[in-house]
């Protein structure tokens, strides 16, 4: 009996729960920063290695910017409506991330088409060299941003749901 009393007093100190193991939360601004920084750094390194000045500039503008904008839009949608959709929570994580990555790439293709079409009408000729890059940059950025944000949001949601069930 004395041993049981002692054990209950030390559960909070020596329990199996590690310090700082609170349920992970989805913080949108961190995800947007990561969605900008990760592809921008990788494309910047690629531009340095290949000595492609267009890729170096595109890393900070069309690649990083499009990725951050896509992450912001998707993150806002997931935060407001994502948890209300049962298939997003119930389906396997790889399936959900794959579908959102495909949708991000498709949205990037649509944005590239709209950008090149509108700018082609407004500014004729090759005055804007970066317009040719959007066909690669926008879909790739949409794919990367969707993958990062959906994966991390899904991890946070499932971690929070499982921690609520253990209480």
C-alpha atoms as a PDB file:
ATOM      1  CA  UNK A   1       0.000   0.000   0.000  1.00  0.00           C
ATOM      2  CA  UNK A   2       2.831   2.387   0.854  1.00  0.00           C
ATOM      3  CA  UNK A   3       4.510   1.501  -2.422  1.00  0.00           C
ATOM      4  CA  UNK A   4       1.317   2.344  -4.336  1.00  0.00           C
ATOM      5  CA  UNK A   5       1.090   5.753  -2.669  1.00  0.00           C
ATOM      6  CA  UNK A   6       4.718   6.523  -3.554  1.00  0.00           C
ATOM      7  CA  UNK A   7       4.191   5.428  -7.148  1.00  0.00           C
ATOM      8  CA  UNK A   8       1.214   7.772  -7.598  1.00  0.00           C
ATOM      9  CA  UNK A   9       3.225  10.724  -6.321  1.00  0.00           C
ATOM     10  CA  UNK A  10       5.998  10.199  -8.851  1.00  0.00           C
ATOM     11  CA  UNK A  11       3.904   9.431 -11.926  1.00  0.00           C
ATOM     12  CA  UNK A  12       4.111  13.014 -13.117  1.00  0.00           C
ATOM     13  CA  UNK A  13       7.890  13.077 -12.722  1.00  0.00           C
ATOM     14  CA  UNK A  14       8.955   9.626 -13.915  1.00  0.00           C
ATOM     15  CA  UNK A  15       6.075   8.736 -16.217  1.00  0.00           C
ATOM     16  CA  UNK A  16       6.604   7.603 -19.764  1.00  0.00           C
ATOM     17  CA  UNK A  17       5.534  10.932 -21.204  1.00  0.00           C
ATOM     18  CA  UNK A  18       8.572  12.872 -22.365  1.00  0.00           C
ATOM     19  CA  UNK A  19       9.031  16.549 -21.662  1.00  0.00           C
ATOM     20  CA  UNK A  20       7.596  18.708 -24.407  1.00  0.00           C
ATOM     21  CA  UNK A  21       5.572  15.894 -25.982  1.00  0.00           C
ATOM     22  CA  UNK A  22       2.428  17.931 -26.312  1.00  0.00           C
ATOM     23  CA  UNK A  23       0.268  17.219 -29.337  1.00  0.00           C
ATOM     24  CA  UNK A  24       1.691  18.859 -32.442  1.00  0.00           C
ATOM     25  CA  UNK A  25      -0.224  21.814 -33.759  1.00  0.00           C
ATOM     26  CA  UNK A  26      -0.476  23.130 -37.282  1.00  0.00           C
ATOM     27  CA  UNK A  27       0.990  26.639 -37.382  1.00  0.00           C
ATOM     28  CA  UNK A  28       0.285  28.130 -40.788  1.00  0.00           C
ATOM     29  CA  UNK A  29       2.985  30.797 -40.891  1.00  0.00           C
ATOM     30  CA  UNK A  30       5.697  28.190 -40.215  1.00  0.00           C
ATOM     31  CA  UNK A  31       4.379  26.015 -43.010  1.00  0.00           C
ATOM     32  CA  UNK A  32       4.295  28.947 -45.440  1.00  0.00           C
ATOM     33  CA  UNK A  33       7.879  29.887 -44.534  1.00  0.00           C
ATOM     34  CA  UNK A  34       9.020  26.278 -45.026  1.00  0.00           C
ATOM     35  CA  UNK A  35       7.134  26.062 -48.321  1.00  0.00           C
ATOM     36  CA  UNK A  36       9.028  29.158 -49.504  1.00  0.00           C
ATOM     37  CA  UNK A  37      12.459  28.335 -48.114  1.00  0.00           C
ATOM     38  CA  UNK A  38      12.766  24.640 -49.046  1.00  0.00           C
ATOM     39  CA  UNK A  39      12.222  24.911 -52.815  1.00  0.00           C
ATOM     40  CA  UNK A  40      13.971  28.290 -53.023  1.00  0.00           C
ATOM     41  CA  UNK A  41      17.137  26.910 -51.431  1.00  0.00           C
ATOM     42  CA  UNK A  42      17.133  23.769 -53.561  1.00  0.00           C
ATOM     43  CA  UNK A  43      16.507  25.691 -56.792  1.00  0.00           C
ATOM     44  CA  UNK A  44      19.100  28.290 -55.773  1.00  0.00           C
ATOM     45  CA  UNK A  45      21.685  25.564 -55.236  1.00  0.00           C
ATOM     46  CA  UNK A  46      20.774  24.069 -58.598  1.00  0.00           C
ATOM     47  CA  UNK A  47      21.163  27.496 -60.202  1.00  0.00           C
ATOM     48  CA  UNK A  48      24.572  27.950 -58.601  1.00  0.00           C
ATOM     49  CA  UNK A  49      25.801  24.520 -59.678  1.00  0.00           C
ATOM     50  CA  UNK A  50      24.617  24.914 -63.265  1.00  0.00           C
ATOM     51  CA  UNK A  51      25.466  28.652 -63.384  1.00  0.00           C
ATOM     52  CA  UNK A  52      21.900  29.347 -64.539  1.00  0.00           C
ATOM     53  CA  UNK A  53      21.137  32.945 -63.593  1.00  0.00           C
ATOM     54  CA  UNK A  54      17.461  32.494 -64.521  1.00  0.00           C
ATOM     55  CA  UNK A  55      17.100  29.601 -62.100  1.00  0.00           C
ATOM     56  CA  UNK A  56      18.796  31.593 -59.336  1.00  0.00           C
ATOM     57  CA  UNK A  57      16.344  34.469 -59.796  1.00  0.00           C
ATOM     58  CA  UNK A  58      13.415  32.096 -60.281  1.00  0.00           C
ATOM     59  CA  UNK A  59      14.288  30.364 -56.998  1.00  0.00           C
ATOM     60  CA  UNK A  60      13.470  33.518 -55.075  1.00  0.00           C
ATOM     61  CA  UNK A  61      10.554  34.669 -57.219  1.00  0.00           C
ATOM     62  CA  UNK A  62       8.442  32.210 -59.207  1.00  0.00           C
ATOM     63  CA  UNK A  63       9.517  29.022 -57.435  1.00  0.00           C
ATOM     64  CA  UNK A  64       9.574  30.199 -53.818  1.00  0.00           C
ATOM     65  CA  UNK A  65       6.775  32.728 -54.209  1.00  0.00           C
ATOM     66  CA  UNK A  66       4.380  30.353 -55.915  1.00  0.00           C
ATOM     67  CA  UNK A  67       5.124  27.675 -53.364  1.00  0.00           C
ATOM     68  CA  UNK A  68       4.469  30.053 -50.462  1.00  0.00           C
ATOM     69  CA  UNK A  69       1.233  31.328 -52.017  1.00  0.00           C
ATOM     70  CA  UNK A  70       0.026  27.785 -52.678  1.00  0.00           C
ATOM     71  CA  UNK A  71       0.908  26.747 -49.129  1.00  0.00           C
ATOM     72  CA  UNK A  72      -0.965  29.716 -47.713  1.00  0.00           C
ATOM     73  CA  UNK A  73      -4.114  29.049 -49.735  1.00  0.00           C
ATOM     74  CA  UNK A  74      -4.104  25.306 -49.063  1.00  0.00           C
ATOM     75  CA  UNK A  75      -3.255  25.780 -45.380  1.00  0.00           C
ATOM     76  CA  UNK A  76      -6.128  28.210 -44.900  1.00  0.00           C
ATOM     77  CA  UNK A  77      -8.523  25.786 -46.572  1.00  0.00           C
ATOM     78  CA  UNK A  78      -7.294  22.796 -44.567  1.00  0.00           C
ATOM     79  CA  UNK A  79      -7.483  24.725 -41.318  1.00  0.00           C
ATOM     80  CA  UNK A  80     -11.024  25.944 -41.933  1.00  0.00           C
ATOM     81  CA  UNK A  81     -12.635  23.037 -43.805  1.00  0.00           C
ATOM     82  CA  UNK A  82     -10.201  20.141 -43.966  1.00  0.00           C
ATOM     83  CA  UNK A  83     -11.077  18.516 -40.667  1.00  0.00           C
ATOM     84  CA  UNK A  84     -14.775  18.535 -41.597  1.00  0.00           C
ATOM     85  CA  UNK A  85     -14.150  16.285 -44.604  1.00  0.00           C
ATOM     86  CA  UNK A  86     -14.204  12.681 -43.382  1.00  0.00           C
ATOM     87  CA  UNK A  87     -12.271  11.271 -46.339  1.00  0.00           C
ATOM     88  CA  UNK A  88      -9.281  13.529 -45.590  1.00  0.00           C
ATOM     89  CA  UNK A  89      -9.049  12.258 -42.022  1.00  0.00           C
ATOM     90  CA  UNK A  90     -10.066   8.652 -42.711  1.00  0.00           C
ATOM     91  CA  UNK A  91      -8.078   7.832 -45.849  1.00  0.00           C
ATOM     92  CA  UNK A  92      -4.467   6.661 -45.615  1.00  0.00           C
ATOM     93  CA  UNK A  93      -2.013   9.537 -45.306  1.00  0.00           C
ATOM     94  CA  UNK A  94      -0.128   8.665 -48.491  1.00  0.00           C
ATOM     95  CA  UNK A  95      -3.354   8.721 -50.523  1.00  0.00           C
ATOM     96  CA  UNK A  96      -4.414  12.105 -49.141  1.00  0.00           C
ATOM     97  CA  UNK A  97      -0.977  13.666 -49.659  1.00  0.00           C
ATOM     98  CA  UNK A  98      -0.782  12.204 -53.171  1.00  0.00           C
ATOM     99  CA  UNK A  99      -4.178  13.558 -54.167  1.00  0.00           C
ATOM    100  CA  UNK A 100      -3.415  17.020 -52.828  1.00  0.00           C
ATOM    101  CA  UNK A 101       0.007  16.986 -54.537  1.00  0.00           C
ATOM    102  CA  UNK A 102      -1.685  16.136 -57.835  1.00  0.00           C
ATOM    103  CA  UNK A 103      -4.227  18.910 -57.302  1.00  0.00           C
ATOM    104  CA  UNK A 104      -1.410  21.359 -56.459  1.00  0.00           C
ATOM    105  CA  UNK A 105       0.458  20.488 -59.661  1.00  0.00           C
ATOM    106  CA  UNK A 106      -2.766  20.818 -61.676  1.00  0.00           C
ATOM    107  CA  UNK A 107      -3.494  24.194 -60.110  1.00  0.00           C
ATOM    108  CA  UNK A 108       0.087  25.209 -60.945  1.00  0.00           C
ATOM    109  CA  UNK A 109      -0.455  24.241 -64.595  1.00  0.00           C
ATOM    110  CA  UNK A 110      -3.637  26.293 -64.674  1.00  0.00           C
ATOM    111  CA  UNK A 111      -1.825  29.260 -63.095  1.00  0.00           C
ATOM    112  CA  UNK A 112       1.003  28.929 -65.654  1.00  0.00           C
ATOM    113  CA  UNK A 113      -1.495  28.873 -68.501  1.00  0.00           C
ATOM    114  CA  UNK A 114      -3.344  31.904 -67.132  1.00  0.00           C
ATOM    115  CA  UNK A 115      -0.131  33.829 -66.483  1.00  0.00           C
ATOM    116  CA  UNK A 116       1.412  33.166 -69.874  1.00  0.00           C
ATOM    117  CA  UNK A 117      -1.863  33.819 -71.709  1.00  0.00           C
ATOM    118  CA  UNK A 118      -2.638  37.077 -69.931  1.00  0.00           C
ATOM    119  CA  UNK A 119       0.890  38.413 -70.068  1.00  0.00           C
ATOM    120  CA  UNK A 120       1.171  37.352 -73.713  1.00  0.00           C
ATOM    121  CA  UNK A 121      -1.817  39.535 -74.516  1.00  0.00           C
ATOM    122  CA  UNK A 122      -0.759  42.498 -72.382  1.00  0.00           C
ATOM    123  CA  UNK A 123       2.982  42.477 -73.144  1.00  0.00           C
ATOM    124  CA  UNK A 124       3.749  41.129 -76.625  1.00  0.00           C
ATOM    125  CA  UNK A 125       7.113  39.618 -77.503  1.00  0.00           C
ATOM    126  CA  UNK A 126       9.820  38.255 -75.236  1.00  0.00           C
ATOM    127  CA  UNK A 127      10.089  41.236 -72.918  1.00  0.00           C
ATOM    128  CA  UNK A 128       9.587  39.008 -69.896  1.00  0.00           C
ATOM    129  CA  UNK A 129      11.972  36.057 -70.061  1.00  0.00           C
ATOM    130  CA  UNK A 130      10.624  34.504 -66.852  1.00  0.00           C
ATOM    131  CA  UNK A 131       7.223  33.814 -68.442  1.00  0.00           C
ATOM    132  CA  UNK A 132       8.726  30.799 -70.208  1.00  0.00           C
ATOM    133  CA  UNK A 133       9.818  29.365 -66.849  1.00  0.00           C
ATOM    134  CA  UNK A 134       6.334  29.350 -65.304  1.00  0.00           C
ATOM    135  CA  UNK A 135       5.423  26.136 -67.132  1.00  0.00           C
ATOM    136  CA  UNK A 136       7.937  24.295 -64.954  1.00  0.00           C
ATOM    137  CA  UNK A 137       8.049  26.524 -61.876  1.00  0.00           C
ATOM    138  CA  UNK A 138       4.334  26.823 -61.102  1.00  0.00           C
ATOM    139  CA  UNK A 139       3.351  23.120 -61.286  1.00  0.00           C
ATOM    140  CA  UNK A 140       6.483  22.035 -59.445  1.00  0.00           C
ATOM    141  CA  UNK A 141       5.944  24.667 -56.749  1.00  0.00           C
ATOM    142  CA  UNK A 142       2.288  23.666 -56.410  1.00  0.00           C
ATOM    143  CA  UNK A 143       3.312  20.034 -56.052  1.00  0.00           C
ATOM    144  CA  UNK A 144       5.956  20.788 -53.407  1.00  0.00           C
ATOM    145  CA  UNK A 145       3.765  23.167 -51.398  1.00  0.00           C
ATOM    146  CA  UNK A 146       0.777  20.805 -51.433  1.00  0.00           C
ATOM    147  CA  UNK A 147       2.927  17.887 -50.355  1.00  0.00           C
ATOM    148  CA  UNK A 148       4.563  19.776 -47.471  1.00  0.00           C
ATOM    149  CA  UNK A 149       1.408  21.419 -46.140  1.00  0.00           C
ATOM    150  CA  UNK A 150      -0.907  18.434 -46.480  1.00  0.00           C
ATOM    151  CA  UNK A 151       1.571  16.022 -44.958  1.00  0.00           C
ATOM    152  CA  UNK A 152       2.296  18.232 -41.960  1.00  0.00           C
ATOM    153  CA  UNK A 153      -1.374  19.180 -41.466  1.00  0.00           C
ATOM    154  CA  UNK A 154      -2.425  15.543 -41.612  1.00  0.00           C
ATOM    155  CA  UNK A 155       0.281  14.578 -39.110  1.00  0.00           C
ATOM    156  CA  UNK A 156      -0.855  17.311 -36.716  1.00  0.00           C
ATOM    157  CA  UNK A 157      -4.529  16.366 -37.040  1.00  0.00           C
ATOM    158  CA  UNK A 158      -4.004  12.640 -36.537  1.00  0.00           C
ATOM    159  CA  UNK A 159      -1.601  13.264 -33.628  1.00  0.00           C
ATOM    160  CA  UNK A 160      -4.156  15.510 -31.947  1.00  0.00           C
ATOM    161  CA  UNK A 161      -6.995  13.029 -32.540  1.00  0.00           C
ATOM    162  CA  UNK A 162      -4.985  10.114 -31.130  1.00  0.00           C
ATOM    163  CA  UNK A 163      -3.866  12.117 -28.085  1.00  0.00           C
ATOM    164  CA  UNK A 164      -7.492  13.055 -27.334  1.00  0.00           C
ATOM    165  CA  UNK A 165      -8.433   9.377 -27.426  1.00  0.00           C
ATOM    166  CA  UNK A 166      -5.757   8.476 -24.852  1.00  0.00           C
ATOM    167  CA  UNK A 167      -6.972  10.916 -22.213  1.00  0.00           C
END
